[in-house]
Amino acid sequence: MIILERIDKSILENRVYFRAYLTMDGKQEELWYSADVEYEPYINMANADAFVLILFVFAVFNAKKLVVKVPISTRLKYGINELLLPAFRDMGFNVLAGQFDFQYEDQSICLEGTHIGAAMSFGVDSFYTIKMSEQSTLPVDTLTLFNAGAFGQYGGEEGRRIFEGMKGQVHDFAIRTGKRFLWVDSNISDVLPMKSVQTHSFRNISCVLAFQRYFRYYYYSAGVTIQSFKLNELDPAYYDLLTADAVRTPSLEFLIAGMFTSRMEKTALIAEDPHTYLDLNVCFLTPDNIAVNREGSKLKNCSQCPKCIRTMTSLDVLGKLENYKSVFDLNMYNFSRAKYFGELIYMKFRNRNIFAKEILAAANSNGYKIPLSAYTFALRRLVGAIKKRIG
């Protein structure tokens, strides 16, 4: 059983801490978010929405009862009970009647929130969302960076060190582009062990909910297009549109950016922005790119993980890869190009990978010549997979 007993906020060494005091299976725990002290007035103490959302998800995934003795906003309570709970049931989670006890409601509306935010991770989705918003009636004015799982799904000092290094980069980028910067540190990964890929949307949204007095709108970047919408228990990106409606409050609305835009189209759009030439970072946290020095130097893409491969091949097909020589190892790419395209061909036929299909279709449309040896590589991979299954 999890019991959310109370919340408070405090200031320590130029940071504001927003804390929840929990009893988890009889043990006392503290769950917290922290930010620069200048954002202290924007933390909403009228409810515990930020904590309730992430505790709700943890309780669903671990079949635990959740008792909340702190107010939850009426709209979020509706979203959890009427939208998310049925969705999790359809996904196969064993959600029981009476598993969630929300004892108090908050019906207040925060009128202070006026800002429009979006995450900046230096990835394709981040750059696309910000660039797209510049052409919208709701342009982003605040960039965010959250330590809520992306830098280590089970917490630890290494993840926090990488987060601190990224903070400096996003801060500098915000200054260059005339935007504000709000970072949020947390111990979510330390207290609530969950797979990051299975919970990433909820982790990040919980950080936003802590600042309902600051944000009026917040863009969340779609990982997949609306055509791929489904209730997928392994990745909330497939049902972010449902989540965005479920977690909104009377004073804060979540906007899903890029629902109708393919990854290839996003890549083509950001490739026209010179800001991306020096800052694009799409890499998984691998041993090759995890070594950010203590001063927070720029992360460089490893140029060999799946995300690097699909981004480099996309840029190559678009004729833009040379612009990114500062962030990708183009010598490695040129040496491995046939292998990389062979991997895409294999993924297209092996598991119908949507990204591989998009890149190969664009290559065909653009008259891009894929090395013949790529097909040989793909065939060997496919034969190897068949033998492994048979044997």
Protein backbone atom coordinates (compact mmCIF):
# COMPACT_ATOMS: atom_id res chain seq x y z
CA MET A 1 0.00 0.00 0.00
CA ILE A 2 1.07 3.57 -0.73
CA ILE A 3 -0.22 6.45 1.39
CA LEU A 4 0.44 10.05 0.36
CA GLU A 5 0.35 11.77 3.74
CA ARG A 6 1.23 15.42 3.07
CA ILE A 7 3.19 17.84 0.89
CA ASP A 8 5.34 20.90 1.55
CA LYS A 9 7.93 23.11 -0.09
CA SER A 10 11.19 24.55 1.18
CA ILE A 11 14.24 26.46 -0.05
CA LEU A 12 17.77 25.14 0.27
CA GLU A 13 20.90 26.49 -1.42
CA ASN A 14 19.11 28.45 -4.16
CA ARG A 15 16.77 25.58 -4.92
CA VAL A 16 13.11 25.16 -4.12
CA TYR A 17 12.04 21.65 -3.10
CA PHE A 18 8.48 20.40 -3.52
CA ARG A 19 8.13 17.30 -1.35
CA ALA A 20 5.62 14.54 -0.78
CA TYR A 21 5.79 12.43 2.35
CA LEU A 22 4.78 8.83 1.73
CA THR A 23 4.28 5.57 3.53
CA MET A 24 5.12 2.73 1.14
CA ASP A 25 4.52 -0.78 2.44
CA GLY A 26 5.03 0.53 5.96
CA LYS A 27 8.25 2.41 5.15
CA GLN A 28 8.59 6.22 5.18
CA GLU A 29 9.73 7.80 1.92
CA GLU A 30 10.13 11.31 0.51
CA LEU A 31 9.40 12.05 -3.14
CA TRP A 32 10.56 15.45 -4.40
CA TYR A 33 10.96 17.82 -7.32
CA SER A 34 13.41 20.71 -7.22
CA ALA A 35 14.00 23.75 -9.40
CA ASP A 36 15.81 27.08 -9.35
CA VAL A 37 14.57 29.22 -6.49
CA GLU A 38 13.20 31.85 -8.91
CA TYR A 39 10.39 29.41 -9.75
CA GLU A 40 9.31 28.93 -6.13
CA PRO A 41 6.20 31.15 -6.44
CA TYR A 42 4.90 29.02 -9.30
CA ILE A 43 4.61 25.74 -7.39
CA ASN A 44 0.96 24.94 -6.78
CA MET A 45 0.44 23.95 -3.15
CA ALA A 46 -3.35 23.72 -3.51
CA ASN A 47 -3.10 20.13 -4.70
CA ALA A 48 -0.71 17.21 -5.06
CA ASP A 49 -1.44 16.53 -8.74
CA ALA A 50 2.23 16.13 -9.69
CA PHE A 51 2.77 13.42 -7.09
CA VAL A 52 -0.63 11.78 -7.50
CA LEU A 53 -0.14 11.15 -11.22
CA ILE A 54 3.20 9.38 -10.92
CA LEU A 55 2.10 7.46 -7.81
CA PHE A 56 -1.04 6.36 -9.63
CA VAL A 57 1.03 4.96 -12.52
CA PHE A 58 3.41 3.21 -10.11
CA ALA A 59 0.45 1.72 -8.24
CA VAL A 60 -1.08 0.42 -11.48
CA PHE A 61 2.17 -1.17 -12.62
CA ASN A 62 2.79 -2.78 -9.23
CA ALA A 63 -0.80 -3.66 -8.26
CA LYS A 64 -0.69 -1.55 -5.10
CA LYS A 65 -3.45 0.31 -3.30
CA LEU A 66 -3.02 4.10 -3.29
CA VAL A 67 -4.49 6.33 -0.59
CA VAL A 68 -4.15 10.09 -1.11
CA LYS A 69 -4.74 12.29 1.94
CA VAL A 70 -3.87 15.52 0.08
CA PRO A 71 -6.23 17.26 -2.39
CA ILE A 72 -6.18 16.26 -6.04
CA SER A 73 -7.69 18.62 -8.62
CA THR A 74 -11.20 17.62 -9.60
CA ARG A 75 -10.31 17.52 -13.30
CA LEU A 76 -7.31 15.22 -12.77
CA LYS A 77 -9.41 12.95 -10.57
CA TYR A 78 -11.88 12.67 -13.45
CA GLY A 79 -9.07 11.99 -15.93
CA ILE A 80 -7.62 9.22 -13.79
CA ASN A 81 -10.90 7.53 -12.96
CA GLU A 82 -12.74 7.94 -16.26
CA LEU A 83 -9.95 7.89 -18.86
CA LEU A 84 -6.70 6.35 -17.63
CA LEU A 85 -8.15 3.57 -15.48
CA PRO A 86 -10.29 2.11 -18.30
CA ALA A 87 -7.31 2.44 -20.66
CA PHE A 88 -5.01 0.53 -18.31
CA ARG A 89 -7.65 -2.17 -17.91
CA ASP A 90 -7.82 -2.53 -21.68
CA MET A 91 -4.03 -2.82 -21.75
CA GLY A 92 -4.28 -5.84 -19.45
CA PHE A 93 -3.31 -4.36 -16.10
CA ASN A 94 -5.09 -5.86 -13.12
CA VAL A 95 -6.70 -2.67 -11.80
CA LEU A 96 -9.04 -3.46 -8.93
CA ALA A 97 -12.14 -1.70 -7.66
CA GLY A 98 -11.31 0.42 -4.63
CA GLN A 99 -7.59 0.38 -5.40
CA PHE A 100 -7.43 4.19 -5.44
CA ASP A 101 -8.73 6.34 -2.62
CA PHE A 102 -8.67 10.08 -3.31
CA GLN A 103 -10.00 11.64 -0.11
CA TYR A 104 -9.99 15.37 -0.96
CA GLU A 105 -10.59 17.45 -4.09
CA ASP A 106 -9.22 20.82 -5.15
CA GLN A 107 -11.57 22.87 -7.33
CA SER A 108 -9.45 26.01 -7.51
CA ILE A 109 -8.16 27.46 -10.78
CA CYS A 110 -4.68 28.96 -11.10
CA LEU A 111 -5.01 32.17 -13.09
CA GLU A 112 -1.31 33.03 -12.80
CA GLY A 113 -0.07 30.58 -15.42
CA THR A 114 0.64 32.31 -18.74
CA HIS A 115 3.71 30.59 -20.16
CA ILE A 116 3.99 28.03 -22.95
CA GLY A 117 6.59 25.33 -22.47
CA ALA A 118 8.24 22.46 -24.31
CA ALA A 119 11.07 20.07 -23.53
CA MET A 120 14.50 20.61 -25.03
CA SER A 121 16.52 17.41 -25.22
CA PHE A 122 18.24 18.44 -28.49
CA GLY A 123 16.53 15.53 -30.25
CA VAL A 124 14.50 15.59 -33.46
CA ASP A 125 11.16 15.83 -31.64
CA SER A 126 12.32 18.68 -29.41
CA PHE A 127 13.66 20.77 -32.26
CA TYR A 128 10.59 20.06 -34.36
CA THR A 129 8.16 21.05 -31.60
CA ILE A 130 9.87 24.35 -30.91
CA LYS A 131 10.26 25.21 -34.60
CA MET A 132 6.65 24.25 -35.30
CA SER A 133 5.39 26.39 -32.41
CA GLU A 134 7.06 29.46 -33.92
CA GLN A 135 4.53 29.21 -36.75
CA SER A 136 1.64 28.64 -34.34
CA THR A 137 -0.64 30.96 -32.39
CA LEU A 138 0.93 29.46 -29.26
CA PRO A 139 4.73 29.87 -29.58
CA VAL A 140 6.97 28.31 -26.95
CA ASP A 141 8.54 30.83 -24.57
CA THR A 142 10.03 28.44 -22.00
CA LEU A 143 12.35 25.47 -22.57
CA THR A 144 12.39 22.69 -20.00
CA LEU A 145 14.69 19.87 -18.97
CA PHE A 146 13.51 17.21 -16.51
CA ASN A 147 15.54 14.66 -14.60
CA ALA A 148 12.69 12.20 -14.37
CA GLY A 149 14.04 9.04 -15.96
CA ALA A 150 15.65 9.98 -19.26
CA PHE A 151 19.09 10.17 -17.64
CA GLY A 152 18.79 6.86 -15.81
CA GLN A 153 15.54 5.02 -15.22
CA TYR A 154 16.64 3.76 -11.81
CA GLY A 155 18.25 6.96 -10.58
CA GLY A 156 21.80 7.22 -9.28
CA GLU A 157 24.55 9.78 -9.36
CA GLU A 158 25.64 9.06 -12.95
CA GLY A 159 22.24 10.05 -14.28
CA ARG A 160 22.22 13.23 -12.22
CA ARG A 161 25.72 14.10 -13.48
CA ILE A 162 24.56 13.80 -17.10
CA PHE A 163 21.50 15.91 -16.26
CA GLU A 164 23.70 18.63 -14.76
CA GLY A 165 25.81 18.65 -17.92
CA MET A 166 22.73 18.99 -20.10
CA LYS A 167 21.42 21.86 -17.98
CA GLY A 168 24.29 24.06 -19.08
CA GLN A 169 23.67 23.30 -22.74
CA VAL A 170 19.94 24.00 -22.60
CA HIS A 171 20.58 27.20 -20.62
CA ASP A 172 22.95 28.45 -23.31
CA PHE A 173 20.54 27.48 -26.07
CA ALA A 174 17.69 29.28 -24.32
CA ILE A 175 19.75 32.46 -24.12
CA ARG A 176 20.68 32.23 -27.81
CA THR A 177 17.06 31.79 -28.84
CA GLY A 178 15.54 34.34 -26.45
CA LYS A 179 13.60 31.89 -24.29
CA ARG A 180 13.32 31.17 -20.59
CA PHE A 181 14.62 27.93 -19.06
CA LEU A 182 13.01 25.85 -16.33
CA TRP A 183 14.82 22.73 -15.18
CA VAL A 184 13.36 20.22 -12.74
CA ASP A 185 15.39 17.67 -10.81
CA SER A 186 13.62 14.81 -9.05
CA ASN A 187 14.15 11.55 -7.20
CA ILE A 188 11.32 9.75 -9.01
CA SER A 189 13.70 7.12 -10.34
CA ASP A 190 15.20 6.50 -6.91
CA VAL A 191 11.90 6.08 -5.04
CA LEU A 192 9.67 4.59 -7.75
CA PRO A 193 11.61 2.02 -9.81
CA MET A 194 9.86 1.69 -13.19
CA LYS A 195 11.02 1.19 -16.75
CA SER A 196 11.55 4.62 -18.27
CA VAL A 197 10.33 3.74 -21.77
CA GLN A 198 7.09 2.38 -20.29
CA THR A 199 6.38 5.49 -18.21
CA HIS A 200 8.23 8.42 -19.83
CA SER A 201 5.14 10.50 -20.65
CA PHE A 202 3.81 10.32 -17.10
CA ARG A 203 7.20 11.10 -15.55
CA ASN A 204 7.61 14.26 -17.61
CA ILE A 205 4.01 15.42 -17.25
CA SER A 206 4.25 15.05 -13.48
CA CYS A 207 7.08 17.61 -13.49
CA VAL A 208 4.93 20.05 -15.45
CA LEU A 209 1.99 19.59 -13.07
CA ALA A 210 4.17 20.83 -10.21
CA PHE A 211 4.21 24.26 -11.89
CA GLN A 212 0.53 24.87 -12.62
CA ARG A 213 0.99 28.51 -11.58
CA TYR A 214 3.57 29.00 -14.34
CA PHE A 215 2.37 27.10 -17.40
CA ARG A 216 -0.88 27.67 -19.27
CA TYR A 217 0.04 25.39 -22.16
CA TYR A 218 2.69 22.73 -22.48
CA TYR A 219 3.69 20.99 -25.70
CA TYR A 220 4.42 17.29 -25.52
CA SER A 221 6.17 15.92 -28.60
CA ALA A 222 4.44 13.00 -30.28
CA GLY A 223 6.70 10.01 -30.64
CA VAL A 224 4.40 8.40 -33.21
CA THR A 225 1.77 9.74 -35.59
CA ILE A 226 -1.96 9.66 -34.91
CA GLN A 227 -2.32 6.82 -37.42
CA SER A 228 -0.36 4.60 -35.01
CA PHE A 229 -2.53 5.38 -31.97
CA LYS A 230 -3.16 2.34 -29.78
CA LEU A 231 -3.24 1.36 -26.12
CA ASN A 232 0.26 -0.09 -25.90
CA GLU A 233 1.32 -1.19 -22.43
CA LEU A 234 5.00 -1.00 -23.41
CA ASP A 235 5.16 2.64 -24.57
CA PRO A 236 2.79 5.52 -23.69
CA ALA A 237 3.87 7.40 -26.83
CA TYR A 238 1.21 5.42 -28.69
CA TYR A 239 -1.60 6.86 -26.56
CA ASP A 240 -0.24 10.30 -25.63
CA LEU A 241 -3.34 11.93 -27.11
CA LEU A 242 -5.49 10.16 -24.51
CA THR A 243 -3.04 10.99 -21.73
CA ALA A 244 -2.97 14.68 -22.65
CA ASP A 245 -6.73 14.90 -22.21
CA ALA A 246 -6.71 12.86 -19.01
CA VAL A 247 -4.09 14.92 -17.18
CA ARG A 248 -5.14 18.45 -18.06
CA THR A 249 -6.44 20.73 -15.35
CA PRO A 250 -8.68 23.82 -15.52
CA SER A 251 -5.57 26.00 -15.74
CA LEU A 252 -3.10 23.83 -17.68
CA GLU A 253 -3.54 22.16 -21.06
CA PHE A 254 -1.18 19.73 -22.75
CA LEU A 255 -0.75 20.00 -26.53
CA ILE A 256 0.57 17.07 -28.55
CA ALA A 257 2.93 18.35 -31.25
CA GLY A 258 3.60 16.47 -34.47
CA MET A 259 0.71 14.00 -34.42
CA PHE A 260 0.31 14.27 -38.19
CA THR A 261 4.01 14.53 -39.06
CA SER A 262 6.26 11.56 -39.75
CA ARG A 263 9.77 11.32 -38.32
CA MET A 264 11.19 11.80 -41.79
CA GLU A 265 9.15 14.99 -42.26
CA LYS A 266 10.29 16.27 -38.86
CA THR A 267 13.91 15.56 -39.73
CA ALA A 268 13.55 17.41 -43.04
CA LEU A 269 12.09 20.46 -41.28
CA ILE A 270 14.74 20.75 -38.58
CA ALA A 271 17.53 20.15 -41.10
CA GLU A 272 16.77 23.64 -42.42
CA ASP A 273 17.59 25.15 -39.00
CA PRO A 274 21.30 25.95 -38.47
CA HIS A 275 20.80 25.68 -34.70
CA THR A 276 20.60 21.93 -35.12
CA TYR A 277 23.96 21.63 -36.86
CA LEU A 278 25.88 22.01 -33.60
CA ASP A 279 23.29 20.90 -31.05
CA LEU A 280 21.39 17.90 -32.43
CA ASN A 281 21.68 15.01 -29.97
CA VAL A 282 19.61 11.89 -30.59
CA CYS A 283 21.79 9.24 -29.00
CA PHE A 284 20.83 6.57 -26.51
CA LEU A 285 22.79 6.81 -23.25
CA THR A 286 25.52 4.40 -24.29
CA PRO A 287 29.08 4.02 -22.97
CA ASP A 288 30.17 6.06 -26.01
CA ASN A 289 28.24 9.19 -25.13
CA ILE A 290 27.81 8.89 -21.39
CA ALA A 291 31.21 10.39 -20.62
CA VAL A 292 30.20 14.00 -20.12
CA ASN A 293 33.00 15.65 -18.23
CA ARG A 294 32.49 17.33 -14.88
CA GLU A 295 32.24 20.74 -16.52
CA GLY A 296 29.29 19.60 -18.61
CA SER A 297 30.85 19.55 -22.08
CA LYS A 298 28.69 18.90 -25.13
CA LEU A 299 27.42 15.38 -25.57
CA LYS A 300 28.41 13.86 -28.90
CA ASN A 301 26.29 11.23 -30.61
CA CYS A 302 27.86 7.77 -30.59
CA SER A 303 27.01 7.36 -34.32
CA GLN A 304 26.27 3.65 -33.95
CA CYS A 305 23.19 3.14 -31.75
CA PRO A 306 19.76 2.60 -33.40
CA LYS A 307 18.67 6.24 -32.90
CA CYS A 308 21.91 7.56 -34.38
CA ILE A 309 21.63 5.18 -37.32
CA ARG A 310 18.09 6.19 -38.22
CA THR A 311 18.92 9.91 -37.87
CA MET A 312 22.15 9.79 -39.88
CA THR A 313 20.59 7.73 -42.67
CA SER A 314 17.61 10.11 -42.75
CA LEU A 315 19.90 13.14 -43.05
CA ASP A 316 21.98 11.37 -45.69
CA VAL A 317 18.89 10.58 -47.78
CA LEU A 318 17.90 14.25 -47.46
CA GLY A 319 21.36 15.38 -48.55
CA LYS A 320 21.96 17.19 -45.23
CA LEU A 321 24.31 14.90 -43.30
CA GLU A 322 27.45 16.91 -44.04
CA ASN A 323 25.99 19.82 -42.04
CA TYR A 324 26.14 17.64 -38.92
CA LYS A 325 29.83 16.73 -38.98
CA SER A 326 30.28 18.39 -35.57
CA VAL A 327 27.82 16.08 -33.82
CA PHE A 328 28.16 12.80 -35.75
CA ASP A 329 31.26 10.79 -36.65
CA LEU A 330 30.96 10.91 -40.42
CA ASN A 331 34.07 8.76 -40.94
CA MET A 332 32.40 5.99 -38.95
CA TYR A 333 29.18 6.53 -40.88
CA ASN A 334 30.84 6.35 -44.29
CA PHE A 335 32.69 3.19 -43.28
CA SER A 336 29.49 1.56 -41.97
CA ARG A 337 26.91 3.05 -44.38
CA ALA A 338 26.12 -0.23 -46.13
CA LYS A 339 25.70 -1.99 -42.80
CA TYR A 340 23.43 0.78 -41.49
CA PHE A 341 21.14 0.65 -44.52
CA GLY A 342 21.24 -3.14 -44.36
CA GLU A 343 19.97 -2.91 -40.81
CA LEU A 344 17.11 -0.68 -41.96
CA ILE A 345 16.17 -3.11 -44.73
CA TYR A 346 16.26 -5.97 -42.24
CA MET A 347 14.08 -4.09 -39.73
CA LYS A 348 11.56 -3.17 -42.43
CA PHE A 349 10.98 -6.81 -43.37
CA ARG A 350 11.62 -8.41 -39.98
CA ASN A 351 9.30 -6.32 -37.79
CA ARG A 352 7.91 -3.70 -40.18
CA ASN A 353 9.65 -0.93 -38.27
CA ILE A 354 7.87 2.34 -39.11
CA PHE A 355 11.05 4.45 -39.05
CA ALA A 356 12.90 2.06 -41.36
CA LYS A 357 9.96 2.08 -43.79
CA GLU A 358 9.92 5.90 -43.84
CA ILE A 359 13.65 6.24 -44.49
CA LEU A 360 13.71 3.63 -47.24
CA ALA A 361 10.64 5.15 -48.90
CA ALA A 362 12.30 8.59 -48.84
CA ALA A 363 15.47 7.10 -50.32
CA ASN A 364 13.43 5.69 -53.18
CA SER A 365 11.57 8.98 -53.73
CA ASN A 366 14.79 11.03 -53.68
CA GLY A 367 16.66 8.71 -56.04
CA TYR A 368 19.17 7.88 -53.31
CA LYS A 369 21.35 4.90 -54.19
CA ILE A 370 21.57 2.35 -51.40
CA PRO A 371 24.76 0.25 -51.59
CA LEU A 372 24.13 -3.22 -53.03
CA SER A 373 26.07 -4.73 -50.13
CA ALA A 374 23.34 -3.41 -47.80
CA TYR A 375 20.93 -5.96 -49.27
CA THR A 376 23.46 -8.73 -48.76
CA PHE A 377 23.87 -7.67 -45.13
CA ALA A 378 20.08 -7.63 -44.63
CA LEU A 379 19.74 -11.09 -46.19
CA ARG A 380 22.40 -12.51 -43.87
CA ARG A 381 20.63 -10.98 -40.87
CA LEU A 382 17.30 -12.43 -41.97
CA VAL A 383 18.74 -15.92 -42.59
CA GLY A 384 20.48 -15.77 -39.21
CA ALA A 385 17.23 -14.85 -37.47
CA ILE A 386 15.39 -17.73 -39.18
CA LYS A 387 18.08 -20.25 -38.22
CA LYS A 388 17.99 -19.02 -34.64
CA ARG A 389 14.22 -19.46 -34.49
CA ILE A 390 14.35 -22.95 -36.03
CA GLY A 391 17.33 -24.13 -34.01
